[in-house]
Amino acid sequence: LGDYAYFESDCYELGDGFIKAKALDDRIGCMLLIE
């Protein structure tokens, strides 16, 4: 009890320049800050 569960989901490109993933909110922001 109290353990966390997470979506099991890969990150990949699809279509005409799209990215699909979990946690894009807000790992995109984290990436931009790191840069």
PDB file of all heavy atoms in Angstrom:
ATOM      1  N   LEU A   1       0.844  -1.184   0.000  1.00  0.00           N
ATOM      2  CA  LEU A   1       0.000   0.000   0.000  1.00  0.00           C
ATOM      3  C   LEU A   1       0.885   1.241   0.000  1.00  0.00           C
ATOM      4  O   LEU A   1       1.899   1.303   0.693  1.00  0.00           O
ATOM      5  CB  LEU A   1      -0.928   0.010   1.215  1.00  0.00           C
ATOM      6  CG  LEU A   1      -1.866  -1.186   1.392  1.00  0.00           C
ATOM      7  CD1 LEU A   1      -2.846  -0.918   2.523  1.00  0.00           C
ATOM      8  CD2 LEU A   1      -2.601  -1.512   0.112  1.00  0.00           C
ATOM      9  N   GLY A   2       0.492   2.227  -0.784  1.00  0.00           N
ATOM     10  CA  GLY A   2       1.297   3.435  -0.910  1.00  0.00           C
ATOM     11  C   GLY A   2       2.293   3.396  -2.043  1.00  0.00           C
ATOM     12  O   GLY A   2       2.931   4.415  -2.343  1.00  0.00           O
ATOM     13  N   ASP A   3       2.453   2.245  -2.713  1.00  0.00           N
ATOM     14  CA  ASP A   3       3.324   2.188  -3.888  1.00  0.00           C
ATOM     15  C   ASP A   3       2.672   2.962  -5.039  1.00  0.00           C
ATOM     16  O   ASP A   3       1.448   3.037  -5.144  1.00  0.00           O
ATOM     17  CB  ASP A   3       3.547   0.737  -4.336  1.00  0.00           C
ATOM     18  CG  ASP A   3       4.511  -0.012  -3.432  1.00  0.00           C
ATOM     19  OD1 ASP A   3       5.190   0.638  -2.609  1.00  0.00           O
ATOM     20  OD2 ASP A   3       4.583  -1.249  -3.559  1.00  0.00           O
ATOM     21  N   TYR A   4       3.521   3.497  -5.905  1.00  0.00           N
ATOM     22  CA  TYR A   4       3.028   4.235  -7.073  1.00  0.00           C
ATOM     23  C   TYR A   4       2.930   3.317  -8.283  1.00  0.00           C
ATOM     24  O   TYR A   4       3.730   2.389  -8.446  1.00  0.00           O
ATOM     25  CB  TYR A   4       3.954   5.395  -7.407  1.00  0.00           C
ATOM     26  CG  TYR A   4       3.914   6.525  -6.406  1.00  0.00           C
ATOM     27  CD1 TYR A   4       4.879   6.629  -5.409  1.00  0.00           C
ATOM     28  CD2 TYR A   4       2.921   7.496  -6.455  1.00  0.00           C
ATOM     29  CE1 TYR A   4       4.847   7.666  -4.478  1.00  0.00           C
ATOM     30  CE2 TYR A   4       2.874   8.539  -5.543  1.00  0.00           C
ATOM     31  CZ  TYR A   4       3.842   8.615  -4.554  1.00  0.00           C
ATOM     32  OH  TYR A   4       3.806   9.639  -3.646  1.00  0.00           O
ATOM     33  N   ALA A   5       1.960   3.601  -9.130  1.00  0.00           N
ATOM     34  CA  ALA A   5       1.819   2.914 -10.413  1.00  0.00           C
ATOM     35  C   ALA A   5       1.926   3.947 -11.526  1.00  0.00           C
ATOM     36  O   ALA A   5       1.419   5.068 -11.395  1.00  0.00           O
ATOM     37  CB  ALA A   5       0.476   2.190 -10.497  1.00  0.00           C
ATOM     38  N   TYR A   6       2.592   3.569 -12.612  1.00  0.00           N
ATOM     39  CA  TYR A   6       2.855   4.483 -13.719  1.00  0.00           C
ATOM     40  C   TYR A   6       2.383   3.881 -15.030  1.00  0.00           C
ATOM     41  O   TYR A   6       2.463   2.670 -15.238  1.00  0.00           O
ATOM     42  CB  TYR A   6       4.366   4.761 -13.829  1.00  0.00           C
ATOM     43  CG  TYR A   6       4.932   5.478 -12.639  1.00  0.00           C
ATOM     44  CD1 TYR A   6       5.488   4.767 -11.577  1.00  0.00           C
ATOM     45  CD2 TYR A   6       4.921   6.865 -12.575  1.00  0.00           C
ATOM     46  CE1 TYR A   6       6.007   5.423 -10.479  1.00  0.00           C
ATOM     47  CE2 TYR A   6       5.440   7.523 -11.482  1.00  0.00           C
ATOM     48  CZ  TYR A   6       5.980   6.805 -10.440  1.00  0.00           C
ATOM     49  OH  TYR A   6       6.486   7.467  -9.360  1.00  0.00           O
ATOM     50  N   PHE A   7       1.914   4.760 -15.919  1.00  0.00           N
ATOM     51  CA  PHE A   7       1.629   4.300 -17.271  1.00  0.00           C
ATOM     52  C   PHE A   7       2.885   3.683 -17.874  1.00  0.00           C
ATOM     53  O   PHE A   7       3.978   4.252 -17.803  1.00  0.00           O
ATOM     54  CB  PHE A   7       1.199   5.474 -18.158  1.00  0.00           C
ATOM     55  CG  PHE A   7      -0.179   5.998 -17.889  1.00  0.00           C
ATOM     56  CD1 PHE A   7      -0.365   7.320 -17.510  1.00  0.00           C
ATOM     57  CD2 PHE A   7      -1.298   5.187 -18.033  1.00  0.00           C
ATOM     58  CE1 PHE A   7      -1.638   7.829 -17.277  1.00  0.00           C
ATOM     59  CE2 PHE A   7      -2.579   5.680 -17.799  1.00  0.00           C
ATOM     60  CZ  PHE A   7      -2.747   7.004 -17.421  1.00  0.00           C
ATOM     61  N   GLU A   8       2.744   2.524 -18.490  1.00  0.00           N
ATOM     62  CA  GLU A   8       3.823   1.895 -19.245  1.00  0.00           C
ATOM     63  C   GLU A   8       3.665   2.336 -20.698  1.00  0.00           C
ATOM     64  O   GLU A   8       2.735   1.906 -21.390  1.00  0.00           O
ATOM     65  CB  GLU A   8       3.744   0.376 -19.128  1.00  0.00           C
ATOM     66  CG  GLU A   8       4.876  -0.368 -19.788  1.00  0.00           C
ATOM     67  CD  GLU A   8       6.163  -0.382 -18.963  1.00  0.00           C
ATOM     68  OE1 GLU A   8       6.206   0.236 -17.891  1.00  0.00           O
ATOM     69  OE2 GLU A   8       7.129  -1.024 -19.421  1.00  0.00           O
ATOM     70  N   SER A   9       4.525   3.229 -21.154  1.00  0.00           N
ATOM     71  CA  SER A   9       4.315   3.852 -22.460  1.00  0.00           C
ATOM     72  C   SER A   9       5.649   4.256 -23.058  1.00  0.00           C
ATOM     73  O   SER A   9       6.466   4.891 -22.391  1.00  0.00           O
ATOM     74  CB  SER A   9       3.420   5.088 -22.301  1.00  0.00           C
ATOM     75  OG  SER A   9       3.247   5.758 -23.522  1.00  0.00           O
ATOM     76  N   ASP A  10       5.867   3.916 -24.312  1.00  0.00           N
ATOM     77  CA  ASP A  10       7.110   4.290 -24.991  1.00  0.00           C
ATOM     78  C   ASP A  10       6.988   5.710 -25.534  1.00  0.00           C
ATOM     79  O   ASP A  10       5.914   6.296 -25.591  1.00  0.00           O
ATOM     80  CB  ASP A  10       7.404   3.307 -26.124  1.00  0.00           C
ATOM     81  CG  ASP A  10       8.882   3.299 -26.511  1.00  0.00           C
ATOM     82  OD1 ASP A  10       9.640   4.110 -25.951  1.00  0.00           O
ATOM     83  OD2 ASP A  10       9.256   2.496 -27.373  1.00  0.00           O
ATOM     84  N   CYS A  11       8.125   6.252 -25.933  1.00  0.00           N
ATOM     85  CA  CYS A  11       8.192   7.578 -26.542  1.00  0.00           C
ATOM     86  C   CYS A  11       8.711   7.414 -27.960  1.00  0.00           C
ATOM     87  O   CYS A  11       9.783   6.823 -28.162  1.00  0.00           O
ATOM     88  CB  CYS A  11       9.119   8.482 -25.723  1.00  0.00           C
ATOM     89  SG  CYS A  11       9.413  10.121 -26.438  1.00  0.00           S
ATOM     90  N   TYR A  12       7.955   7.905 -28.947  1.00  0.00           N
ATOM     91  CA  TYR A  12       8.412   7.768 -30.323  1.00  0.00           C
ATOM     92  C   TYR A  12       7.783   8.834 -31.209  1.00  0.00           C
ATOM     93  O   TYR A  12       6.787   9.475 -30.843  1.00  0.00           O
ATOM     94  CB  TYR A  12       8.113   6.370 -30.883  1.00  0.00           C
ATOM     95  CG  TYR A  12       6.686   5.904 -30.727  1.00  0.00           C
ATOM     96  CD1 TYR A  12       5.686   6.320 -31.598  1.00  0.00           C
ATOM     97  CD2 TYR A  12       6.342   5.017 -29.707  1.00  0.00           C
ATOM     98  CE1 TYR A  12       4.385   5.873 -31.465  1.00  0.00           C
ATOM     99  CE2 TYR A  12       5.040   4.571 -29.560  1.00  0.00           C
ATOM    100  CZ  TYR A  12       4.068   4.999 -30.441  1.00  0.00           C
ATOM    101  OH  TYR A  12       2.777   4.566 -30.298  1.00  0.00           O
ATOM    102  N   GLU A  13       8.383   9.021 -32.381  1.00  0.00           N
ATOM    103  CA  GLU A  13       7.851   9.946 -33.371  1.00  0.00           C
ATOM    104  C   GLU A  13       6.819   9.234 -34.238  1.00  0.00           C
ATOM    105  O   GLU A  13       6.912   8.023 -34.483  1.00  0.00           O
ATOM    106  CB  GLU A  13       8.978  10.490 -34.251  1.00  0.00           C
ATOM    107  CG  GLU A  13       9.954  11.382 -33.511  1.00  0.00           C
ATOM    108  CD  GLU A  13      11.000  11.992 -34.430  1.00  0.00           C
ATOM    109  OE1 GLU A  13      10.684  12.213 -35.621  1.00  0.00           O
ATOM    110  OE2 GLU A  13      12.124  12.249 -33.960  1.00  0.00           O
ATOM    111  N   LEU A  14       5.830   9.979 -34.697  1.00  0.00           N
ATOM    112  CA  LEU A  14       4.833   9.419 -35.602  1.00  0.00           C
ATOM    113  C   LEU A  14       4.285  10.522 -36.489  1.00  0.00           C
ATOM    114  O   LEU A  14       4.421  11.715 -36.186  1.00  0.00           O
ATOM    115  CB  LEU A  14       3.687   8.753 -34.827  1.00  0.00           C
ATOM    116  CG  LEU A  14       2.687   9.649 -34.070  1.00  0.00           C
ATOM    117  CD1 LEU A  14       1.421   8.854 -33.770  1.00  0.00           C
ATOM    118  CD2 LEU A  14       3.271  10.155 -32.765  1.00  0.00           C
ATOM    119  N   GLY A  15       3.704  10.106 -37.613  1.00  0.00           N
ATOM    120  CA  GLY A  15       3.085  11.053 -38.526  1.00  0.00           C
ATOM    121  C   GLY A  15       4.050  12.106 -39.036  1.00  0.00           C
ATOM    122  O   GLY A  15       5.246  11.874 -39.195  1.00  0.00           O
ATOM    123  N   ASP A  16       3.516  13.289 -39.246  1.00  0.00           N
ATOM    124  CA  ASP A  16       4.280  14.394 -39.808  1.00  0.00           C
ATOM    125  C   ASP A  16       4.875  15.249 -38.693  1.00  0.00           C
ATOM    126  O   ASP A  16       4.419  16.353 -38.411  1.00  0.00           O
ATOM    127  CB  ASP A  16       3.364  15.245 -40.699  1.00  0.00           C
ATOM    128  CG  ASP A  16       4.122  16.387 -41.368  1.00  0.00           C
ATOM    129  OD1 ASP A  16       5.367  16.325 -41.438  1.00  0.00           O
ATOM    130  OD2 ASP A  16       3.456  17.341 -41.823  1.00  0.00           O
ATOM    131  N   GLY A  17       5.887  14.706 -38.021  1.00  0.00           N
ATOM    132  CA  GLY A  17       6.613  15.471 -37.017  1.00  0.00           C
ATOM    133  C   GLY A  17       5.956  15.542 -35.663  1.00  0.00           C
ATOM    134  O   GLY A  17       6.080  16.560 -34.964  1.00  0.00           O
ATOM    135  N   PHE A  18       5.279  14.483 -35.234  1.00  0.00           N
ATOM    136  CA  PHE A  18       4.665  14.441 -33.916  1.00  0.00           C
ATOM    137  C   PHE A  18       5.463  13.526 -32.990  1.00  0.00           C
ATOM    138  O   PHE A  18       6.150  12.603 -33.442  1.00  0.00           O
ATOM    139  CB  PHE A  18       3.224  13.937 -34.000  1.00  0.00           C
ATOM    140  CG  PHE A  18       2.297  14.864 -34.727  1.00  0.00           C
ATOM    141  CD1 PHE A  18       2.134  14.779 -36.107  1.00  0.00           C
ATOM    142  CD2 PHE A  18       1.577  15.827 -34.033  1.00  0.00           C
ATOM    143  CE1 PHE A  18       1.278  15.626 -36.781  1.00  0.00           C
ATOM    144  CE2 PHE A  18       0.714  16.684 -34.696  1.00  0.00           C
ATOM    145  CZ  PHE A  18       0.566  16.590 -36.070  1.00  0.00           C
ATOM    146  N   ILE A  19       5.344  13.764 -31.690  1.00  0.00           N
ATOM    147  CA  ILE A  19       5.931  12.899 -30.676  1.00  0.00           C
ATOM    148  C   ILE A  19       4.812  12.426 -29.759  1.00  0.00           C
ATOM    149  O   ILE A  19       3.970  13.210 -29.326  1.00  0.00           O
ATOM    150  CB  ILE A  19       6.995  13.641 -29.839  1.00  0.00           C
ATOM    151  CG1 ILE A  19       8.200  14.008 -30.698  1.00  0.00           C
ATOM    152  CG2 ILE A  19       7.440  12.781 -28.649  1.00  0.00           C
ATOM    153  CD1 ILE A  19       9.236  14.838 -29.978  1.00  0.00           C
ATOM    154  N   LYS A  20       4.817  11.130 -29.441  1.00  0.00           N
ATOM    155  CA  LYS A  20       3.859  10.548 -28.511  1.00  0.00           C
ATOM    156  C   LYS A  20       4.617   9.985 -27.320  1.00  0.00           C
ATOM    157  O   LYS A  20       5.631   9.297 -27.476  1.00  0.00           O
ATOM    158  CB  LYS A  20       3.063   9.446 -29.210  1.00  0.00           C
ATOM    159  CG  LYS A  20       2.182   8.593 -28.282  1.00  0.00           C
ATOM    160  CD  LYS A  20       2.905   7.344 -27.846  1.00  0.00           C
ATOM    161  CE  LYS A  20       2.083   6.538 -26.849  1.00  0.00           C
ATOM    162  NZ  LYS A  20       2.883   5.476 -26.201  1.00  0.00           N
ATOM    163  N   ALA A  21       4.151  10.282 -26.106  1.00  0.00           N
ATOM    164  CA  ALA A  21       4.787   9.769 -24.896  1.00  0.00           C
ATOM    165  C   ALA A  21       3.899  10.047 -23.696  1.00  0.00           C
ATOM    166  O   ALA A  21       2.967  10.844 -23.768  1.00  0.00           O
ATOM    167  CB  ALA A  21       6.153  10.418 -24.677  1.00  0.00           C
ATOM    168  N   LYS A  22       4.204   9.421 -22.588  1.00  0.00           N
ATOM    169  CA  LYS A  22       3.650   9.858 -21.310  1.00  0.00           C
ATOM    170  C   LYS A  22       4.523  11.007 -20.797  1.00  0.00           C
ATOM    171  O   LYS A  22       5.643  11.219 -21.266  1.00  0.00           O
ATOM    172  CB  LYS A  22       3.636   8.715 -20.292  1.00  0.00           C
ATOM    173  CG  LYS A  22       5.016   8.344 -19.719  1.00  0.00           C
ATOM    174  CD  LYS A  22       4.882   7.356 -18.589  1.00  0.00           C
ATOM    175  CE  LYS A  22       6.230   7.010 -17.971  1.00  0.00           C
ATOM    176  NZ  LYS A  22       6.872   8.108 -17.245  1.00  0.00           N
ATOM    177  N   ALA A  23       4.021  11.747 -19.830  1.00  0.00           N
ATOM    178  CA  ALA A  23       4.805  12.737 -19.069  1.00  0.00           C
ATOM    179  C   ALA A  23       5.375  13.884 -19.900  1.00  0.00           C
ATOM    180  O   ALA A  23       6.282  14.571 -19.451  1.00  0.00           O
ATOM    181  CB  ALA A  23       5.935  12.047 -18.299  1.00  0.00           C
ATOM    182  N   LEU A  24       4.847  14.097 -21.109  1.00  0.00           N
ATOM    183  CA  LEU A  24       5.265  15.294 -21.848  1.00  0.00           C
ATOM    184  C   LEU A  24       4.958  16.551 -21.039  1.00  0.00           C
ATOM    185  O   LEU A  24       5.632  17.577 -21.168  1.00  0.00           O
ATOM    186  CB  LEU A  24       4.569  15.336 -23.207  1.00  0.00           C
ATOM    187  CG  LEU A  24       5.087  14.309 -24.227  1.00  0.00           C
ATOM    188  CD1 LEU A  24       4.140  14.217 -25.417  1.00  0.00           C
ATOM    189  CD2 LEU A  24       6.488  14.654 -24.691  1.00  0.00           C
ATOM    190  N   ASP A  25       3.937  16.462 -20.208  1.00  0.00           N
ATOM    191  CA  ASP A  25       3.648  17.467 -19.183  1.00  0.00           C
ATOM    192  C   ASP A  25       4.360  17.028 -17.901  1.00  0.00           C
ATOM    193  O   ASP A  25       3.890  16.128 -17.217  1.00  0.00           O
ATOM    194  CB  ASP A  25       2.134  17.550 -18.977  1.00  0.00           C
ATOM    195  CG  ASP A  25       1.730  18.445 -17.835  1.00  0.00           C
ATOM    196  OD1 ASP A  25       2.511  19.321 -17.444  1.00  0.00           O
ATOM    197  OD2 ASP A  25       0.606  18.264 -17.319  1.00  0.00           O
ATOM    198  N   ASP A  26       5.484  17.566 -17.533  1.00  0.00           N
ATOM    199  CA  ASP A  26       6.128  18.714 -18.116  1.00  0.00           C
ATOM    200  C   ASP A  26       7.604  18.422 -18.364  1.00  0.00           C
ATOM    201  O   ASP A  26       8.469  19.243 -18.099  1.00  0.00           O
ATOM    202  CB  ASP A  26       5.969  19.912 -17.183  1.00  0.00           C
ATOM    203  CG  ASP A  26       6.544  21.190 -17.733  1.00  0.00           C
ATOM    204  OD1 ASP A  26       6.552  21.372 -18.963  1.00  0.00           O
ATOM    205  OD2 ASP A  26       7.007  22.013 -16.943  1.00  0.00           O
ATOM    206  N   ARG A  27       7.910  17.232 -18.877  1.00  0.00           N
ATOM    207  CA  ARG A  27       9.307  16.918 -19.140  1.00  0.00           C
ATOM    208  C   ARG A  27       9.848  17.754 -20.293  1.00  0.00           C
ATOM    209  O   ARG A  27      11.058  17.952 -20.404  1.00  0.00           O
ATOM    210  CB  ARG A  27       9.474  15.422 -19.417  1.00  0.00           C
ATOM    211  CG  ARG A  27       8.963  14.537 -18.275  1.00  0.00           C
ATOM    212  CD  ARG A  27       9.802  14.591 -17.025  1.00  0.00           C
ATOM    213  NE  ARG A  27       9.083  14.114 -15.850  1.00  0.00           N
ATOM    214  CZ  ARG A  27       8.787  12.835 -15.594  1.00  0.00           C
ATOM    215  NH1 ARG A  27       9.141  11.884 -16.439  1.00  0.00           N
ATOM    216  NH2 ARG A  27       8.134  12.522 -14.491  1.00  0.00           N
ATOM    217  N   ILE A  28       8.939  18.279 -21.141  1.00  0.00           N
ATOM    218  CA  ILE A  28       9.390  19.225 -22.170  1.00  0.00           C
ATOM    219  C   ILE A  28       9.967  20.467 -21.517  1.00  0.00           C
ATOM    220  O   ILE A  28      11.044  20.948 -21.883  1.00  0.00           O
ATOM    221  CB  ILE A  28       8.237  19.595 -23.125  1.00  0.00           C
ATOM    222  CG1 ILE A  28       7.908  18.425 -24.047  1.00  0.00           C
ATOM    223  CG2 ILE A  28       8.591  20.830 -23.947  1.00  0.00           C
ATOM    224  CD1 ILE A  28       6.795  18.708 -25.019  1.00  0.00           C
ATOM    225  N   GLY A  29       9.259  21.004 -20.524  1.00  0.00           N
ATOM    226  CA  GLY A  29       9.769  22.168 -19.806  1.00  0.00           C
ATOM    227  C   GLY A  29      11.099  21.889 -19.138  1.00  0.00           C
ATOM    228  O   GLY A  29      12.010  22.725 -19.165  1.00  0.00           O
ATOM    229  N   CYS A  30      11.231  20.702 -18.543  1.00  0.00           N
ATOM    230  CA  CYS A  30      12.501  20.322 -17.905  1.00  0.00           C
ATOM    231  C   CYS A  30      13.634  20.289 -18.927  1.00  0.00           C
ATOM    232  O   CYS A  30      14.734  20.778 -18.667  1.00  0.00           O
ATOM    233  CB  CYS A  30      12.364  18.959 -17.230  1.00  0.00           C
ATOM    234  SG  CYS A  30      11.259  18.944 -15.794  1.00  0.00           S
ATOM    235  N   MET A  31      13.375  19.718 -20.092  1.00  0.00           N
ATOM    236  CA  MET A  31      14.390  19.662 -21.145  1.00  0.00           C
ATOM    237  C   MET A  31      14.832  21.061 -21.561  1.00  0.00           C
ATOM    238  O   MET A  31      16.034  21.330 -21.707  1.00  0.00           O
ATOM    239  CB  MET A  31      13.847  18.904 -22.358  1.00  0.00           C
ATOM    240  CG  MET A  31      14.821  18.849 -23.529  1.00  0.00           C
ATOM    241  SD  MET A  31      14.071  18.192 -25.043  1.00  0.00           S
ATOM    242  CE  MET A  31      12.963  19.530 -25.492  1.00  0.00           C
ATOM    243  N   LEU A  32      13.878  21.957 -21.755  1.00  0.00           N
ATOM    244  CA  LEU A  32      14.218  23.311 -22.190  1.00  0.00           C
ATOM    245  C   LEU A  32      15.038  24.046 -21.133  1.00  0.00           C
ATOM    246  O   LEU A  32      15.964  24.795 -21.463  1.00  0.00           O
ATOM    247  CB  LEU A  32      12.942  24.080 -22.521  1.00  0.00           C
ATOM    248  CG  LEU A  32      12.154  23.566 -23.735  1.00  0.00           C
ATOM    249  CD1 LEU A  32      10.817  24.283 -23.843  1.00  0.00           C
ATOM    250  CD2 LEU A  32      12.951  23.722 -25.018  1.00  0.00           C
ATOM    251  N   LEU A  33      14.731  23.839 -19.854  1.00  0.00           N
ATOM    252  CA  LEU A  33      15.534  24.448 -18.795  1.00  0.00           C
ATOM    253  C   LEU A  33      16.952  23.895 -18.789  1.00  0.00           C
ATOM    254  O   LEU A  33      17.928  24.642 -18.627  1.00  0.00           O
ATOM    255  CB  LEU A  33      14.890  24.214 -17.427  1.00  0.00           C
ATOM    256  CG  LEU A  33      13.575  24.917 -17.095  1.00  0.00           C
ATOM    257  CD1 LEU A  33      13.332  24.880 -15.590  1.00  0.00           C
ATOM    258  CD2 LEU A  33      13.530  26.338 -17.589  1.00  0.00           C
ATOM    259  N   ILE A  34      17.082  22.592 -18.942  1.00  0.00           N
ATOM    260  CA  ILE A  34      18.420  21.975 -18.991  1.00  0.00           C
ATOM    261  C   ILE A  34      19.233  22.571 -20.134  1.00  0.00           C
ATOM    262  O   ILE A  34      20.413  22.908 -19.970  1.00  0.00           O
ATOM    263  CB  ILE A  34      18.307  20.439 -19.141  1.00  0.00           C
ATOM    264  CG1 ILE A  34      17.714  19.820 -17.876  1.00  0.00           C
ATOM    265  CG2 ILE A  34      19.678  19.826 -19.431  1.00  0.00           C
ATOM    266  CD1 ILE A  34      17.329  18.360 -18.030  1.00  0.00           C
ATOM    267  N   GLU A  35      18.606  22.711 -21.299  1.00  0.00           N
ATOM    268  CA  GLU A  35      19.304  23.288 -22.453  1.00  0.00           C
ATOM    269  C   GLU A  35      19.786  24.706 -22.158  1.00  0.00           C
ATOM    270  O   GLU A  35      20.912  25.081 -22.511  1.00  0.00           O
ATOM    271  CB  GLU A  35      18.384  23.295 -23.671  1.00  0.00           C
ATOM    272  CG  GLU A  35      18.078  21.914 -24.223  1.00  0.00           C
ATOM    273  CD  GLU A  35      17.080  21.944 -25.372  1.00  0.00           C
ATOM    274  OE1 GLU A  35      16.502  23.020 -25.647  1.00  0.00           O
ATOM    275  OE2 GLU A  35      16.873  20.886 -25.996  1.00  0.00           O
TER     276      GLU A  35
END
